[in-house]
Amino acid sequence: MGANVSDLTRQEFTLQLDLKGLSCPLPLLKMKLALKKLEPGQIIYVETSDSGSWQDFHKFTTITDNELISAQECDSSYQFVIKKGS
């Protein structure tokens, strides 16, 4: 995980998901469905308010071919940038 979300420009994201207000496991499930529609190498930005997403998204990218480029907590939200693997 190299970059901060704030270091990346919105143009770098293929897709942006605002999943604030959803409870576990919905943020993870919706992110997984969105990733399936992307091509390898494309980047998704996800923002959630569910604290369980922090562990879920880290674990998901560890056990899949997807790369967690950035993850950060801002106020009451969690922001993730994920690059789809092959």
Protein backbone atom coordinates (compact mmCIF):
# COMPACT_ATOMS: atom_id res chain seq x y z
CA MET A 1 0.00 0.00 0.00
CA GLY A 2 1.85 3.02 -1.22
CA ALA A 3 -0.30 6.06 -1.93
CA ASN A 4 -2.80 7.92 0.18
CA VAL A 5 -6.26 8.38 -1.28
CA SER A 6 -5.68 12.13 -1.17
CA ASP A 7 -2.57 11.71 -3.35
CA LEU A 8 -4.62 10.13 -6.13
CA THR A 9 -6.79 12.15 -8.47
CA ARG A 10 -10.39 11.23 -9.16
CA GLN A 11 -9.50 10.68 -12.83
CA GLU A 12 -7.41 7.67 -11.84
CA PHE A 13 -10.49 5.78 -10.66
CA THR A 14 -12.45 3.70 -13.16
CA LEU A 15 -15.34 3.48 -10.72
CA GLN A 16 -16.30 5.22 -7.47
CA LEU A 17 -18.64 3.65 -4.91
CA ASP A 18 -20.24 5.53 -2.03
CA LEU A 19 -21.29 2.76 0.35
CA LYS A 20 -21.68 4.91 3.45
CA GLY A 21 -24.65 3.92 5.59
CA LEU A 22 -24.48 0.24 4.68
CA SER A 23 -23.67 -2.35 7.34
CA CYS A 24 -21.47 -5.43 7.09
CA PRO A 25 -21.41 -7.46 4.88
CA LEU A 26 -23.02 -5.17 2.27
CA PRO A 27 -20.00 -2.90 1.59
CA LEU A 28 -17.79 -5.91 0.85
CA LEU A 29 -20.44 -7.63 -1.27
CA LYS A 30 -21.19 -4.51 -3.32
CA MET A 31 -17.47 -3.86 -3.86
CA LYS A 32 -16.96 -7.46 -5.02
CA LEU A 33 -19.86 -7.18 -7.49
CA ALA A 34 -18.47 -3.92 -8.85
CA LEU A 35 -14.97 -5.42 -9.23
CA LYS A 36 -16.37 -8.24 -11.35
CA LYS A 37 -17.46 -5.67 -13.95
CA LEU A 38 -13.98 -4.14 -14.24
CA GLU A 39 -11.09 -5.17 -16.45
CA PRO A 40 -7.77 -6.24 -14.89
CA GLY A 41 -5.72 -3.20 -13.93
CA GLN A 42 -8.71 -0.89 -13.51
CA ILE A 43 -9.05 0.95 -10.21
CA ILE A 44 -12.04 1.31 -7.91
CA TYR A 45 -12.48 3.87 -5.12
CA VAL A 46 -14.77 2.83 -2.28
CA GLU A 47 -15.95 4.88 0.70
CA THR A 48 -17.79 3.21 3.59
CA SER A 49 -18.90 4.13 7.09
CA ASP A 50 -18.91 0.57 8.45
CA SER A 51 -15.88 -0.04 10.69
CA GLY A 52 -15.92 -3.74 9.79
CA SER A 53 -14.96 -2.79 6.24
CA TRP A 54 -11.44 -2.00 7.40
CA GLN A 55 -10.69 -5.63 8.22
CA ASP A 56 -12.94 -7.05 5.47
CA PHE A 57 -11.29 -5.13 2.63
CA HIS A 58 -7.76 -5.84 3.86
CA LYS A 59 -8.52 -9.55 4.20
CA PHE A 60 -10.29 -9.68 0.82
CA THR A 61 -7.32 -8.21 -1.05
CA THR A 62 -4.91 -10.49 0.83
CA ILE A 63 -6.68 -13.66 -0.29
CA THR A 64 -7.50 -12.54 -3.84
CA ASP A 65 -5.48 -11.31 -6.79
CA ASN A 66 -6.63 -7.72 -6.21
CA GLU A 67 -4.28 -5.03 -4.88
CA LEU A 68 -5.15 -2.68 -2.05
CA ILE A 69 -3.43 0.48 -3.25
CA SER A 70 -4.59 2.66 -0.39
CA ALA A 71 -6.74 2.47 2.74
CA GLN A 72 -7.36 5.27 5.17
CA GLU A 73 -9.76 6.33 7.87
CA CYS A 74 -11.12 9.87 7.61
CA ASP A 75 -13.45 11.15 10.32
CA SER A 76 -16.30 8.64 10.28
CA SER A 77 -15.55 7.02 6.92
CA TYR A 78 -13.12 4.52 5.47
CA GLN A 79 -11.65 5.03 2.01
CA PHE A 80 -10.17 2.28 -0.12
CA VAL A 81 -8.50 2.23 -3.52
CA ILE A 82 -8.33 -1.23 -5.06
CA LYS A 83 -6.75 -2.32 -8.34
CA LYS A 84 -8.39 -5.30 -10.00
CA GLY A 85 -6.07 -8.25 -10.50
CA SER A 86 -5.95 -10.59 -13.46
